[in-house]
Amino acid sequence: MERKDPQSIGDVLRDLLDESFLRSRMDELNAVRLWEKVTGREIASRCGKPTVKSGVMTVGVANACLRQELYINRTRLKEIINELIGKETIKEIRFVS
């Protein structure tokens, strides 16, 4: 067996994350965490907790007026979230009642 140069545990874990699906899942969870920062506390409190699966963020919104306003601004919301993450993690945002 050939010896390799020593690596820090952090480097090994980063390599492991990059080689597996875990990196994309962590980015999706980060997008959920950023929802309140992007929309503000007041709007986030009127929405259900977002979920993300395969790049599609789904947000429950009971108020029809707020749902329509968020729908109109969904492209900008997606851009801001992806900008904060540093890559295109969210491909679409859906608002459901």
PDB file of N, CA and C in Angstrom:
ATOM      1  N   MET A   1       0.835  -1.161   0.000  1.00  0.00           N
ATOM      2  CA  MET A   1       0.000   0.000   0.000  1.00  0.00           C
ATOM      3  C   MET A   1       0.893   1.242   0.000  1.00  0.00           C
ATOM      4  N   GLU A   2       0.555   2.194  -0.853  1.00  0.00           N
ATOM      5  CA  GLU A   2       1.346   3.410  -0.988  1.00  0.00           C
ATOM      6  C   GLU A   2       0.889   4.465   0.027  1.00  0.00           C
ATOM      7  N   ARG A   3       1.842   5.079   0.694  1.00  0.00           N
ATOM      8  CA  ARG A   3       1.526   6.137   1.662  1.00  0.00           C
ATOM      9  C   ARG A   3       1.290   7.450   0.931  1.00  0.00           C
ATOM     10  N   LYS A   4       0.366   8.224   1.457  1.00  0.00           N
ATOM     11  CA  LYS A   4       0.069   9.537   0.899  1.00  0.00           C
ATOM     12  C   LYS A   4       0.468  10.594   1.916  1.00  0.00           C
ATOM     13  N   ASP A   5       0.581  11.810   1.446  1.00  0.00           N
ATOM     14  CA  ASP A   5       0.888  12.916   2.347  1.00  0.00           C
ATOM     15  C   ASP A   5      -0.244  13.070   3.356  1.00  0.00           C
ATOM     16  N   PRO A   6       0.087  13.465   4.574  1.00  0.00           N
ATOM     17  CA  PRO A   6      -0.955  13.648   5.590  1.00  0.00           C
ATOM     18  C   PRO A   6      -1.909  14.773   5.201  1.00  0.00           C
ATOM     19  N   GLN A   7      -3.177  14.581   5.554  1.00  0.00           N
ATOM     20  CA  GLN A   7      -4.201  15.584   5.291  1.00  0.00           C
ATOM     21  C   GLN A   7      -4.929  15.882   6.590  1.00  0.00           C
ATOM     22  N   SER A   8      -5.426  17.096   6.685  1.00  0.00           N
ATOM     23  CA  SER A   8      -6.218  17.428   7.871  1.00  0.00           C
ATOM     24  C   SER A   8      -7.580  16.746   7.763  1.00  0.00           C
ATOM     25  N   ILE A   9      -8.208  16.552   8.886  1.00  0.00           N
ATOM     26  CA  ILE A   9      -9.534  15.928   8.900  1.00  0.00           C
ATOM     27  C   ILE A   9     -10.520  16.784   8.120  1.00  0.00           C
ATOM     28  N   GLY A  10     -10.402  18.110   8.240  1.00  0.00           N
ATOM     29  CA  GLY A  10     -11.286  19.017   7.502  1.00  0.00           C
ATOM     30  C   GLY A  10     -11.181  18.816   6.004  1.00  0.00           C
ATOM     31  N   ASP A  11      -9.943  18.663   5.493  1.00  0.00           N
ATOM     32  CA  ASP A  11      -9.741  18.425   4.059  1.00  0.00           C
ATOM     33  C   ASP A  11     -10.341  17.092   3.625  1.00  0.00           C
ATOM     34  N   VAL A  12     -10.168  16.079   4.442  1.00  0.00           N
ATOM     35  CA  VAL A  12     -10.721  14.760   4.129  1.00  0.00           C
ATOM     36  C   VAL A  12     -12.247  14.832   4.073  1.00  0.00           C
ATOM     37  N   LEU A  13     -12.852  15.507   5.051  1.00  0.00           N
ATOM     38  CA  LEU A  13     -14.321  15.629   5.067  1.00  0.00           C
ATOM     39  C   LEU A  13     -14.823  16.436   3.878  1.00  0.00           C
ATOM     40  N   ARG A  14     -14.131  17.522   3.513  1.00  0.00           N
ATOM     41  CA  ARG A  14     -14.529  18.319   2.339  1.00  0.00           C
ATOM     42  C   ARG A  14     -14.470  17.467   1.082  1.00  0.00           C
ATOM     43  N   ASP A  15     -13.409  16.683   0.937  1.00  0.00           N
ATOM     44  CA  ASP A  15     -13.289  15.798  -0.230  1.00  0.00           C
ATOM     45  C   ASP A  15     -14.425  14.784  -0.269  1.00  0.00           C
ATOM     46  N   LEU A  16     -14.746  14.226   0.882  1.00  0.00           N
ATOM     47  CA  LEU A  16     -15.836  13.254   0.969  1.00  0.00           C
ATOM     48  C   LEU A  16     -17.163  13.886   0.577  1.00  0.00           C
ATOM     49  N   LEU A  17     -17.431  15.090   1.080  1.00  0.00           N
ATOM     50  CA  LEU A  17     -18.679  15.786   0.742  1.00  0.00           C
ATOM     51  C   LEU A  17     -18.756  16.090  -0.751  1.00  0.00           C
ATOM     52  N   ASP A  18     -17.643  16.541  -1.325  1.00  0.00           N
ATOM     53  CA  ASP A  18     -17.627  16.887  -2.743  1.00  0.00           C
ATOM     54  C   ASP A  18     -17.844  15.671  -3.636  1.00  0.00           C
ATOM     55  N   GLU A  19     -17.414  14.513  -3.169  1.00  0.00           N
ATOM     56  CA  GLU A  19     -17.532  13.299  -3.973  1.00  0.00           C
ATOM     57  C   GLU A  19     -18.891  12.617  -3.818  1.00  0.00           C
ATOM     58  N   SER A  20     -19.703  13.077  -2.923  1.00  0.00           N
ATOM     59  CA  SER A  20     -20.984  12.427  -2.685  1.00  0.00           C
ATOM     60  C   SER A  20     -22.133  13.405  -2.894  1.00  0.00           C
ATOM     61  N   PHE A  21     -23.334  12.929  -2.738  1.00  0.00           N
ATOM     62  CA  PHE A  21     -24.520  13.757  -2.875  1.00  0.00           C
ATOM     63  C   PHE A  21     -24.709  14.674  -1.673  1.00  0.00           C
ATOM     64  N   LEU A  22     -23.925  14.485  -0.633  1.00  0.00           N
ATOM     65  CA  LEU A  22     -24.106  15.254   0.595  1.00  0.00           C
ATOM     66  C   LEU A  22     -23.894  16.749   0.390  1.00  0.00           C
ATOM     67  N   ARG A  23     -22.986  17.145  -0.473  1.00  0.00           N
ATOM     68  CA  ARG A  23     -22.733  18.575  -0.714  1.00  0.00           C
ATOM     69  C   ARG A  23     -23.989  19.255  -1.251  1.00  0.00           C
ATOM     70  N   SER A  24     -24.647  18.653  -2.235  1.00  0.00           N
ATOM     71  CA  SER A  24     -25.850  19.278  -2.793  1.00  0.00           C
ATOM     72  C   SER A  24     -26.972  19.305  -1.764  1.00  0.00           C
ATOM     73  N   ARG A  25     -27.075  18.270  -0.953  1.00  0.00           N
ATOM     74  CA  ARG A  25     -28.109  18.247   0.092  1.00  0.00           C
ATOM     75  C   ARG A  25     -27.835  19.317   1.147  1.00  0.00           C
ATOM     76  N   MET A  26     -26.575  19.499   1.497  1.00  0.00           N
ATOM     77  CA  MET A  26     -26.227  20.543   2.466  1.00  0.00           C
ATOM     78  C   MET A  26     -26.534  21.933   1.904  1.00  0.00           C
ATOM     79  N   ASP A  27     -26.304  22.131   0.608  1.00  0.00           N
ATOM     80  CA  ASP A  27     -26.638  23.408  -0.026  1.00  0.00           C
ATOM     81  C   ASP A  27     -28.152  23.649   0.003  1.00  0.00           C
ATOM     82  N   GLU A  28     -28.938  22.583  -0.217  1.00  0.00           N
ATOM     83  CA  GLU A  28     -30.396  22.718  -0.152  1.00  0.00           C
ATOM     84  C   GLU A  28     -30.849  23.086   1.255  1.00  0.00           C
ATOM     85  N   LEU A  29     -30.256  22.473   2.259  1.00  0.00           N
ATOM     86  CA  LEU A  29     -30.606  22.806   3.643  1.00  0.00           C
ATOM     87  C   LEU A  29     -30.178  24.234   3.984  1.00  0.00           C
ATOM     88  N   ASN A  30     -29.088  24.675   3.419  1.00  0.00           N
ATOM     89  CA  ASN A  30     -28.646  26.046   3.608  1.00  0.00           C
ATOM     90  C   ASN A  30     -29.653  27.025   2.994  1.00  0.00           C
ATOM     91  N   ALA A  31     -30.224  26.670   1.850  1.00  0.00           N
ATOM     92  CA  ALA A  31     -31.240  27.511   1.210  1.00  0.00           C
ATOM     93  C   ALA A  31     -32.465  27.660   2.111  1.00  0.00           C
ATOM     94  N   VAL A  32     -32.872  26.582   2.766  1.00  0.00           N
ATOM     95  CA  VAL A  32     -34.006  26.639   3.701  1.00  0.00           C
ATOM     96  C   VAL A  32     -33.671  27.585   4.849  1.00  0.00           C
ATOM     97  N   ARG A  33     -32.462  27.499   5.346  1.00  0.00           N
ATOM     98  CA  ARG A  33     -32.031  28.358   6.445  1.00  0.00           C
ATOM     99  C   ARG A  33     -32.011  29.830   6.029  1.00  0.00           C
ATOM    100  N   LEU A  34     -31.712  30.105   4.766  1.00  0.00           N
ATOM    101  CA  LEU A  34     -31.623  31.477   4.274  1.00  0.00           C
ATOM    102  C   LEU A  34     -32.984  32.118   3.983  1.00  0.00           C
ATOM    103  N   TRP A  35     -34.055  31.334   3.955  1.00  0.00           N
ATOM    104  CA  TRP A  35     -35.378  31.854   3.588  1.00  0.00           C
ATOM    105  C   TRP A  35     -35.758  33.084   4.415  1.00  0.00           C
ATOM    106  N   GLU A  36     -35.616  33.012   5.735  1.00  0.00           N
ATOM    107  CA  GLU A  36     -35.992  34.150   6.589  1.00  0.00           C
ATOM    108  C   GLU A  36     -35.109  35.361   6.321  1.00  0.00           C
ATOM    109  N   LYS A  37     -33.850  35.139   6.088  1.00  0.00           N
ATOM    110  CA  LYS A  37     -32.930  36.247   5.808  1.00  0.00           C
ATOM    111  C   LYS A  37     -33.316  36.947   4.509  1.00  0.00           C
ATOM    112  N   VAL A  38     -33.728  36.185   3.516  1.00  0.00           N
ATOM    113  CA  VAL A  38     -34.063  36.734   2.209  1.00  0.00           C
ATOM    114  C   VAL A  38     -35.415  37.443   2.223  1.00  0.00           C
ATOM    115  N   THR A  39     -36.399  36.852   2.870  1.00  0.00           N
ATOM    116  CA  THR A  39     -37.754  37.424   2.841  1.00  0.00           C
ATOM    117  C   THR A  39     -38.026  38.379   3.997  1.00  0.00           C
ATOM    118  N   GLY A  40     -37.262  38.258   5.064  1.00  0.00           N
ATOM    119  CA  GLY A  40     -37.523  39.055   6.259  1.00  0.00           C
ATOM    120  C   GLY A  40     -38.356  38.245   7.244  1.00  0.00           C
ATOM    121  N   ARG A  41     -38.236  38.603   8.510  1.00  0.00           N
ATOM    122  CA  ARG A  41     -38.896  37.841   9.579  1.00  0.00           C
ATOM    123  C   ARG A  41     -40.422  37.868   9.441  1.00  0.00           C
ATOM    124  N   GLU A  42     -40.981  39.027   9.094  1.00  0.00           N
ATOM    125  CA  GLU A  42     -42.444  39.167   9.018  1.00  0.00           C
ATOM    126  C   GLU A  42     -43.046  38.240   7.951  1.00  0.00           C
ATOM    127  N   ILE A  43     -42.481  38.272   6.765  1.00  0.00           N
ATOM    128  CA  ILE A  43     -43.009  37.425   5.680  1.00  0.00           C
ATOM    129  C   ILE A  43     -42.741  35.955   5.983  1.00  0.00           C
ATOM    130  N   ALA A  44     -41.550  35.633   6.452  1.00  0.00           N
ATOM    131  CA  ALA A  44     -41.214  34.237   6.764  1.00  0.00           C
ATOM    132  C   ALA A  44     -42.147  33.681   7.829  1.00  0.00           C
ATOM    133  N   SER A  45     -42.568  34.515   8.776  1.00  0.00           N
ATOM    134  CA  SER A  45     -43.464  34.037   9.834  1.00  0.00           C
ATOM    135  C   SER A  45     -44.862  33.735   9.301  1.00  0.00           C
ATOM    136  N   ARG A  46     -45.196  34.280   8.151  1.00  0.00           N
ATOM    137  CA  ARG A  46     -46.510  34.038   7.543  1.00  0.00           C
ATOM    138  C   ARG A  46     -46.486  32.884   6.542  1.00  0.00           C
ATOM    139  N   CYS A  47     -45.329  32.263   6.409  1.00  0.00           N
ATOM    140  CA  CYS A  47     -45.159  31.127   5.498  1.00  0.00           C
ATOM    141  C   CYS A  47     -44.824  29.885   6.313  1.00  0.00           C
ATOM    142  N   GLY A  48     -45.071  28.740   5.715  1.00  0.00           N
ATOM    143  CA  GLY A  48     -44.624  27.498   6.322  1.00  0.00           C
ATOM    144  C   GLY A  48     -43.127  27.344   6.111  1.00  0.00           C
ATOM    145  N   LYS A  49     -42.530  26.403   6.784  1.00  0.00           N
ATOM    146  CA  LYS A  49     -41.095  26.157   6.609  1.00  0.00           C
ATOM    147  C   LYS A  49     -40.858  25.588   5.208  1.00  0.00           C
ATOM    148  N   PRO A  50     -39.951  26.198   4.469  1.00  0.00           N
ATOM    149  CA  PRO A  50     -39.684  25.703   3.114  1.00  0.00           C
ATOM    150  C   PRO A  50     -39.041  24.312   3.137  1.00  0.00           C
ATOM    151  N   THR A  51     -39.245  23.582   2.081  1.00  0.00           N
ATOM    152  CA  THR A  51     -38.551  22.323   1.859  1.00  0.00           C
ATOM    153  C   THR A  51     -37.900  22.402   0.482  1.00  0.00           C
ATOM    154  N   VAL A  52     -36.808  21.679   0.315  1.00  0.00           N
ATOM    155  CA  VAL A  52     -36.122  21.663  -0.978  1.00  0.00           C
ATOM    156  C   VAL A  52     -35.822  20.220  -1.341  1.00  0.00           C
ATOM    157  N   LYS A  53     -36.167  19.868  -2.562  1.00  0.00           N
ATOM    158  CA  LYS A  53     -35.864  18.534  -3.071  1.00  0.00           C
ATOM    159  C   LYS A  53     -35.519  18.662  -4.545  1.00  0.00           C
ATOM    160  N   SER A  54     -34.361  18.185  -4.905  1.00  0.00           N
ATOM    161  CA  SER A  54     -33.881  18.215  -6.293  1.00  0.00           C
ATOM    162  C   SER A  54     -33.919  19.621  -6.889  1.00  0.00           C
ATOM    163  N   GLY A  55     -33.556  20.610  -6.087  1.00  0.00           N
ATOM    164  CA  GLY A  55     -33.482  21.984  -6.571  1.00  0.00           C
ATOM    165  C   GLY A  55     -34.793  22.743  -6.603  1.00  0.00           C
ATOM    166  N   VAL A  56     -35.882  22.121  -6.162  1.00  0.00           N
ATOM    167  CA  VAL A  56     -37.190  22.780  -6.141  1.00  0.00           C
ATOM    168  C   VAL A  56     -37.546  23.110  -4.696  1.00  0.00           C
ATOM    169  N   MET A  57     -37.656  24.405  -4.405  1.00  0.00           N
ATOM    170  CA  MET A  57     -38.061  24.849  -3.078  1.00  0.00           C
ATOM    171  C   MET A  57     -39.577  24.989  -3.072  1.00  0.00           C
ATOM    172  N   THR A  58     -40.218  24.394  -2.066  1.00  0.00           N
ATOM    173  CA  THR A  58     -41.668  24.483  -1.908  1.00  0.00           C
ATOM    174  C   THR A  58     -41.957  25.184  -0.594  1.00  0.00           C
ATOM    175  N   VAL A  59     -42.803  26.224  -0.678  1.00  0.00           N
ATOM    176  CA  VAL A  59     -43.128  27.026   0.495  1.00  0.00           C
ATOM    177  C   VAL A  59     -44.649  27.086   0.626  1.00  0.00           C
ATOM    178  N   GLY A  60     -45.146  26.739   1.810  1.00  0.00           N
ATOM    179  CA  GLY A  60     -46.573  26.834   2.079  1.00  0.00           C
ATOM    180  C   GLY A  60     -46.941  28.255   2.471  1.00  0.00           C
ATOM    181  N   VAL A  61     -47.961  28.807   1.798  1.00  0.00           N
ATOM    182  CA  VAL A  61     -48.438  30.160   2.091  1.00  0.00           C
ATOM    183  C   VAL A  61     -49.958  30.123   2.076  1.00  0.00           C
ATOM    184  N   ALA A  62     -50.578  30.321   3.239  1.00  0.00           N
ATOM    185  CA  ALA A  62     -52.035  30.228   3.345  1.00  0.00           C
ATOM    186  C   ALA A  62     -52.737  31.474   2.793  1.00  0.00           C
ATOM    187  N   ASN A  63     -52.123  32.635   2.921  1.00  0.00           N
ATOM    188  CA  ASN A  63     -52.726  33.892   2.484  1.00  0.00           C
ATOM    189  C   ASN A  63     -52.557  34.043   0.971  1.00  0.00           C
ATOM    190  N   ALA A  64     -53.679  34.124   0.245  1.00  0.00           N
ATOM    191  CA  ALA A  64     -53.648  34.180  -1.219  1.00  0.00           C
ATOM    192  C   ALA A  64     -52.928  35.419  -1.742  1.00  0.00           C
ATOM    193  N   CYS A  65     -53.122  36.554  -1.098  1.00  0.00           N
ATOM    194  CA  CYS A  65     -52.460  37.794  -1.543  1.00  0.00           C
ATOM    195  C   CYS A  65     -50.944  37.687  -1.395  1.00  0.00           C
ATOM    196  N   LEU A  66     -50.495  37.174  -0.265  1.00  0.00           N
ATOM    197  CA  LEU A  66     -49.058  37.009  -0.039  1.00  0.00           C
ATOM    198  C   LEU A  66     -48.494  35.974  -1.006  1.00  0.00           C
ATOM    199  N   ARG A  67     -49.223  34.894  -1.232  1.00  0.00           N
ATOM    200  CA  ARG A  67     -48.775  33.853  -2.155  1.00  0.00           C
ATOM    201  C   ARG A  67     -48.578  34.446  -3.555  1.00  0.00           C
ATOM    202  N   GLN A  68     -49.514  35.298  -3.989  1.00  0.00           N
ATOM    203  CA  GLN A  68     -49.410  35.930  -5.310  1.00  0.00           C
ATOM    204  C   GLN A  68     -48.205  36.876  -5.375  1.00  0.00           C
ATOM    205  N   GLU A  69     -47.995  37.656  -4.331  1.00  0.00           N
ATOM    206  CA  GLU A  69     -46.865  38.588  -4.280  1.00  0.00           C
ATOM    207  C   GLU A  69     -45.534  37.831  -4.333  1.00  0.00           C
ATOM    208  N   LEU A  70     -45.432  36.745  -3.568  1.00  0.00           N
ATOM    209  CA  LEU A  70     -44.219  35.935  -3.588  1.00  0.00           C
ATOM    210  C   LEU A  70     -44.023  35.279  -4.958  1.00  0.00           C
ATOM    211  N   TYR A  71     -45.124  34.828  -5.561  1.00  0.00           N
ATOM    212  CA  TYR A  71     -45.050  34.198  -6.881  1.00  0.00           C
ATOM    213  C   TYR A  71     -44.492  35.176  -7.917  1.00  0.00           C
ATOM    214  N   ILE A  72     -44.952  36.414  -7.853  1.00  0.00           N
ATOM    215  CA  ILE A  72     -44.476  37.442  -8.785  1.00  0.00           C
ATOM    216  C   ILE A  72     -42.974  37.669  -8.613  1.00  0.00           C
ATOM    217  N   ASN A  73     -42.489  37.583  -7.380  1.00  0.00           N
ATOM    218  CA  ASN A  73     -41.082  37.865  -7.072  1.00  0.00           C
ATOM    219  C   ASN A  73     -40.215  36.614  -6.965  1.00  0.00           C
ATOM    220  N   ARG A  74     -40.720  35.459  -7.380  1.00  0.00           N
ATOM    221  CA  ARG A  74     -40.003  34.193  -7.179  1.00  0.00           C
ATOM    222  C   ARG A  74     -38.658  34.148  -7.888  1.00  0.00           C
ATOM    223  N   THR A  75     -38.552  34.742  -9.063  1.00  0.00           N
ATOM    224  CA  THR A  75     -37.284  34.726  -9.792  1.00  0.00           C
ATOM    225  C   THR A  75     -36.211  35.490  -9.019  1.00  0.00           C
ATOM    226  N   ARG A  76     -36.578  36.642  -8.499  1.00  0.00           N
ATOM    227  CA  ARG A  76     -35.606  37.440  -7.727  1.00  0.00           C
ATOM    228  C   ARG A  76     -35.234  36.728  -6.421  1.00  0.00           C
ATOM    229  N   LEU A  77     -36.214  36.130  -5.752  1.00  0.00           N
ATOM    230  CA  LEU A  77     -35.936  35.384  -4.523  1.00  0.00           C
ATOM    231  C   LEU A  77     -34.949  34.245  -4.798  1.00  0.00           C
ATOM    232  N   LYS A  78     -35.173  33.541  -5.888  1.00  0.00           N
ATOM    233  CA  LYS A  78     -34.286  32.430  -6.278  1.00  0.00           C
ATOM    234  C   LYS A  78     -32.881  32.950  -6.544  1.00  0.00           C
ATOM    235  N   GLU A  79     -32.766  34.069  -7.251  1.00  0.00           N
ATOM    236  CA  GLU A  79     -31.457  34.649  -7.556  1.00  0.00           C
ATOM    237  C   GLU A  79     -30.711  35.031  -6.277  1.00  0.00           C
ATOM    238  N   ILE A  80     -31.415  35.642  -5.327  1.00  0.00           N
ATOM    239  CA  ILE A  80     -30.774  36.072  -4.077  1.00  0.00           C
ATOM    240  C   ILE A  80     -30.284  34.863  -3.287  1.00  0.00           C
ATOM    241  N   ILE A  81     -31.125  33.842  -3.168  1.00  0.00           N
ATOM    242  CA  ILE A  81     -30.734  32.630  -2.429  1.00  0.00           C
ATOM    243  C   ILE A  81     -29.510  31.994  -3.070  1.00  0.00           C
ATOM    244  N   ASN A  82     -29.537  31.830  -4.383  1.00  0.00           N
ATOM    245  CA  ASN A  82     -28.409  31.209  -5.075  1.00  0.00           C
ATOM    246  C   ASN A  82     -27.141  32.057  -4.964  1.00  0.00           C
ATOM    247  N   GLU A  83     -27.302  33.374  -4.982  1.00  0.00           N
ATOM    248  CA  GLU A  83     -26.153  34.266  -4.831  1.00  0.00           C
ATOM    249  C   GLU A  83     -25.524  34.106  -3.445  1.00  0.00           C
ATOM    250  N   LEU A  84     -26.361  34.000  -2.422  1.00  0.00           N
ATOM    251  CA  LEU A  84     -25.848  33.832  -1.059  1.00  0.00           C
ATOM    252  C   LEU A  84     -25.149  32.487  -0.881  1.00  0.00           C
ATOM    253  N   ILE A  85     -25.647  31.459  -1.551  1.00  0.00           N
ATOM    254  CA  ILE A  85     -25.026  30.127  -1.459  1.00  0.00           C
ATOM    255  C   ILE A  85     -23.752  30.060  -2.306  1.00  0.00           C
ATOM    256  N   GLY A  86     -23.748  30.798  -3.402  1.00  0.00           N
ATOM    257  CA  GLY A  86     -22.564  30.818  -4.256  1.00  0.00           C
ATOM    258  C   GLY A  86     -22.649  29.924  -5.472  1.00  0.00           C
ATOM    259  N   LYS A  87     -23.789  29.313  -5.672  1.00  0.00           N
ATOM    260  CA  LYS A  87     -24.010  28.495  -6.871  1.00  0.00           C
ATOM    261  C   LYS A  87     -25.499  28.255  -7.041  1.00  0.00           C
ATOM    262  N   GLU A  88     -25.878  27.731  -8.218  1.00  0.00           N
ATOM    263  CA  GLU A  88     -27.298  27.521  -8.490  1.00  0.00           C
ATOM    264  C   GLU A  88     -27.770  26.246  -7.800  1.00  0.00           C
ATOM    265  N   THR A  89     -28.294  26.428  -6.606  1.00  0.00           N
ATOM    266  CA  THR A  89     -28.843  25.321  -5.832  1.00  0.00           C
ATOM    267  C   THR A  89     -30.342  25.229  -6.058  1.00  0.00           C
ATOM    268  N   ILE A  90     -31.011  26.377  -6.061  1.00  0.00           N
ATOM    269  CA  ILE A  90     -32.459  26.433  -6.255  1.00  0.00           C
ATOM    270  C   ILE A  90     -32.752  26.719  -7.722  1.00  0.00           C
ATOM    271  N   LYS A  91     -33.463  25.815  -8.364  1.00  0.00           N
ATOM    272  CA  LYS A  91     -33.818  25.976  -9.767  1.00  0.00           C
ATOM    273  C   LYS A  91     -35.227  26.533  -9.933  1.00  0.00           C
ATOM    274  N   GLU A  92     -36.058  26.308  -8.912  1.00  0.00           N
ATOM    275  CA  GLU A  92     -37.463  26.740  -8.982  1.00  0.00           C
ATOM    276  C   GLU A  92     -38.001  26.907  -7.577  1.00  0.00           C
ATOM    277  N   ILE A  93     -38.924  27.883  -7.415  1.00  0.00           N
ATOM    278  CA  ILE A  93     -39.614  28.050  -6.146  1.00  0.00           C
ATOM    279  C   ILE A  93     -41.111  27.902  -6.410  1.00  0.00           C
ATOM    280  N   ARG A  94     -41.759  27.051  -5.641  1.00  0.00           N
ATOM    281  CA  ARG A  94     -43.210  26.836  -5.754  1.00  0.00           C
ATOM    282  C   ARG A  94     -43.873  27.270  -4.453  1.00  0.00           C
ATOM    283  N   PHE A  95     -45.011  27.939  -4.593  1.00  0.00           N
ATOM    284  CA  PHE A  95     -45.780  28.357  -3.420  1.00  0.00           C
ATOM    285  C   PHE A  95     -47.100  27.594  -3.440  1.00  0.00           C
ATOM    286  N   VAL A  96     -47.391  26.941  -2.324  1.00  0.00           N
ATOM    287  CA  VAL A  96     -48.601  26.114  -2.221  1.00  0.00           C
ATOM    288  C   VAL A  96     -49.437  26.603  -1.055  1.00  0.00           C
ATOM    289  N   SER A  97     -50.745  26.321  -1.139  1.00  0.00           N
ATOM    290  CA  SER A  97     -51.621  26.738  -0.035  1.00  0.00           C
ATOM    291  C   SER A  97     -51.790  25.641   0.991  1.00  0.00           C
TER     292      SER A  97
END
